[in-house]
């Protein structure tokens, strides 16, 4: 089954699915957002550039298409996006 997710008044949208575990594929519009996690996440940037501030860190890091970062369970992370970014998020 495919689920539809929408956050921040439609500025972040994704489709959730299961294929060897849970995943979402989505698009983030330009802006700044903070996300919370309940499980470990691996975020893969498909297109565009995303600045990320992981929980407990003080330096923002840039991630471009083809790069990934990991987020611990039960934490949060912030993102800054200048142009639209597409991503694949795997939950494990």
C-alpha atoms as a PDB file:
ATOM      1  CA  UNK A   1       0.000   0.000   0.000  1.00  0.00           C
ATOM      2  CA  UNK A   2       1.192   3.509  -0.831  1.00  0.00           C
ATOM      3  CA  UNK A   3       0.646   6.248   1.749  1.00  0.00           C
ATOM      4  CA  UNK A   4       0.586   9.976   1.036  1.00  0.00           C
ATOM      5  CA  UNK A   5       2.299  12.310   3.534  1.00  0.00           C
ATOM      6  CA  UNK A   6       2.164  16.091   3.637  1.00  0.00           C
ATOM      7  CA  UNK A   7       3.942  18.404   6.096  1.00  0.00           C
ATOM      8  CA  UNK A   8       4.487  22.139   6.633  1.00  0.00           C
ATOM      9  CA  UNK A   9       1.343  23.246   4.759  1.00  0.00           C
ATOM     10  CA  UNK A  10       2.272  21.180   1.696  1.00  0.00           C
ATOM     11  CA  UNK A  11       5.899  22.348   1.410  1.00  0.00           C
ATOM     12  CA  UNK A  12       7.074  18.757   2.050  1.00  0.00           C
ATOM     13  CA  UNK A  13       5.293  15.857   0.381  1.00  0.00           C
ATOM     14  CA  UNK A  14       6.171  12.191   0.177  1.00  0.00           C
ATOM     15  CA  UNK A  15       4.876   8.787  -0.795  1.00  0.00           C
ATOM     16  CA  UNK A  16       5.465   5.941   1.631  1.00  0.00           C
ATOM     17  CA  UNK A  17       5.870   2.314   0.598  1.00  0.00           C
ATOM     18  CA  UNK A  18       7.330  -1.001   1.745  1.00  0.00           C
ATOM     19  CA  UNK A  19       9.989  -2.864  -0.214  1.00  0.00           C
ATOM     20  CA  UNK A  20      12.533  -4.658   1.981  1.00  0.00           C
ATOM     21  CA  UNK A  21      11.520  -2.286   4.781  1.00  0.00           C
ATOM     22  CA  UNK A  22       9.719   1.039   5.001  1.00  0.00           C
ATOM     23  CA  UNK A  23      10.725   3.949   2.756  1.00  0.00           C
ATOM     24  CA  UNK A  24       9.449   7.288   1.539  1.00  0.00           C
ATOM     25  CA  UNK A  25      10.284   9.225  -1.585  1.00  0.00           C
ATOM     26  CA  UNK A  26       9.499  12.910  -1.560  1.00  0.00           C
ATOM     27  CA  UNK A  27      10.104  16.524  -2.448  1.00  0.00           C
ATOM     28  CA  UNK A  28      10.974  19.441  -0.168  1.00  0.00           C
ATOM     29  CA  UNK A  29      10.217  22.986  -1.311  1.00  0.00           C
ATOM     30  CA  UNK A  30      12.553  25.893  -0.560  1.00  0.00           C
ATOM     31  CA  UNK A  31      12.612  26.804   3.148  1.00  0.00           C
ATOM     32  CA  UNK A  32      13.791  25.683   6.587  1.00  0.00           C
ATOM     33  CA  UNK A  33      12.239  22.716   8.392  1.00  0.00           C
ATOM     34  CA  UNK A  34      12.758  20.573  11.477  1.00  0.00           C
ATOM     35  CA  UNK A  35      11.883  16.876  11.519  1.00  0.00           C
ATOM     36  CA  UNK A  36      11.628  14.409  14.390  1.00  0.00           C
ATOM     37  CA  UNK A  37      12.427  10.713  14.128  1.00  0.00           C
ATOM     38  CA  UNK A  38      11.098   7.640  15.869  1.00  0.00           C
ATOM     39  CA  UNK A  39      13.322   5.147  14.030  1.00  0.00           C
ATOM     40  CA  UNK A  40      16.792   5.272  12.475  1.00  0.00           C
ATOM     41  CA  UNK A  41      16.657   6.982   9.061  1.00  0.00           C
ATOM     42  CA  UNK A  42      18.965   7.026   6.069  1.00  0.00           C
ATOM     43  CA  UNK A  43      18.291  10.019   3.824  1.00  0.00           C
ATOM     44  CA  UNK A  44      19.557   9.866   0.240  1.00  0.00           C
ATOM     45  CA  UNK A  45      19.465  13.054  -1.811  1.00  0.00           C
ATOM     46  CA  UNK A  46      18.123  12.252  -5.275  1.00  0.00           C
ATOM     47  CA  UNK A  47      18.242  15.738  -6.790  1.00  0.00           C
ATOM     48  CA  UNK A  48      19.289  19.152  -5.487  1.00  0.00           C
ATOM     49  CA  UNK A  49      21.226  20.257  -2.409  1.00  0.00           C
ATOM     50  CA  UNK A  50      20.144  20.133   1.225  1.00  0.00           C
ATOM     51  CA  UNK A  51      21.864  21.745   4.213  1.00  0.00           C
ATOM     52  CA  UNK A  52      21.464  19.585   7.317  1.00  0.00           C
ATOM     53  CA  UNK A  53      21.980  20.192  11.036  1.00  0.00           C
ATOM     54  CA  UNK A  54      21.861  16.913  12.941  1.00  0.00           C
ATOM     55  CA  UNK A  55      20.753  16.742  16.573  1.00  0.00           C
ATOM     56  CA  UNK A  56      23.592  17.663  18.944  1.00  0.00           C
ATOM     57  CA  UNK A  57      25.780  19.214  16.221  1.00  0.00           C
ATOM     58  CA  UNK A  58      26.584  22.887  15.670  1.00  0.00           C
ATOM     59  CA  UNK A  59      27.787  22.867  12.050  1.00  0.00           C
ATOM     60  CA  UNK A  60      25.465  22.656   9.048  1.00  0.00           C
ATOM     61  CA  UNK A  61      26.594  20.210   6.338  1.00  0.00           C
ATOM     62  CA  UNK A  62      25.726  20.239   2.634  1.00  0.00           C
ATOM     63  CA  UNK A  63      24.458  17.077   0.953  1.00  0.00           C
ATOM     64  CA  UNK A  64      24.132  16.921  -2.832  1.00  0.00           C
ATOM     65  CA  UNK A  65      22.481  14.499  -5.244  1.00  0.00           C
ATOM     66  CA  UNK A  66      23.828  10.978  -4.676  1.00  0.00           C
ATOM     67  CA  UNK A  67      24.969  11.678  -1.106  1.00  0.00           C
ATOM     68  CA  UNK A  68      23.341  10.420   2.074  1.00  0.00           C
ATOM     69  CA  UNK A  69      23.248  11.030   5.806  1.00  0.00           C
ATOM     70  CA  UNK A  70      21.927   9.081   8.761  1.00  0.00           C
ATOM     71  CA  UNK A  71      19.715  10.214  11.609  1.00  0.00           C
ATOM     72  CA  UNK A  72      19.458   8.426  14.947  1.00  0.00           C
ATOM     73  CA  UNK A  73      16.128   7.155  16.243  1.00  0.00           C
ATOM     74  CA  UNK A  74      14.262   9.434  18.659  1.00  0.00           C
ATOM     75  CA  UNK A  75      16.112  12.570  17.626  1.00  0.00           C
ATOM     76  CA  UNK A  76      15.555  15.528  15.326  1.00  0.00           C
ATOM     77  CA  UNK A  77      17.305  17.274  12.474  1.00  0.00           C
ATOM     78  CA  UNK A  78      16.946  20.582  10.648  1.00  0.00           C
ATOM     79  CA  UNK A  79      17.189  21.186   6.917  1.00  0.00           C
ATOM     80  CA  UNK A  80      17.600  24.292   4.755  1.00  0.00           C
ATOM     81  CA  UNK A  81      16.634  24.056   1.102  1.00  0.00           C
ATOM     82  CA  UNK A  82      17.216  26.829  -1.461  1.00  0.00           C
ATOM     83  CA  UNK A  83      15.523  25.094  -4.420  1.00  0.00           C
ATOM     84  CA  UNK A  84      13.334  22.016  -4.509  1.00  0.00           C
ATOM     85  CA  UNK A  85      15.070  18.810  -3.389  1.00  0.00           C
ATOM     86  CA  UNK A  86      13.975  15.233  -3.921  1.00  0.00           C
ATOM     87  CA  UNK A  87      14.952  12.480  -1.515  1.00  0.00           C
ATOM     88  CA  UNK A  88      14.612   8.830  -0.609  1.00  0.00           C
ATOM     89  CA  UNK A  89      14.332   8.024   3.085  1.00  0.00           C
ATOM     90  CA  UNK A  90      14.829   4.486   4.364  1.00  0.00           C
ATOM     91  CA  UNK A  91      13.646   3.607   7.868  1.00  0.00           C
ATOM     92  CA  UNK A  92      15.376   0.861   9.853  1.00  0.00           C
END
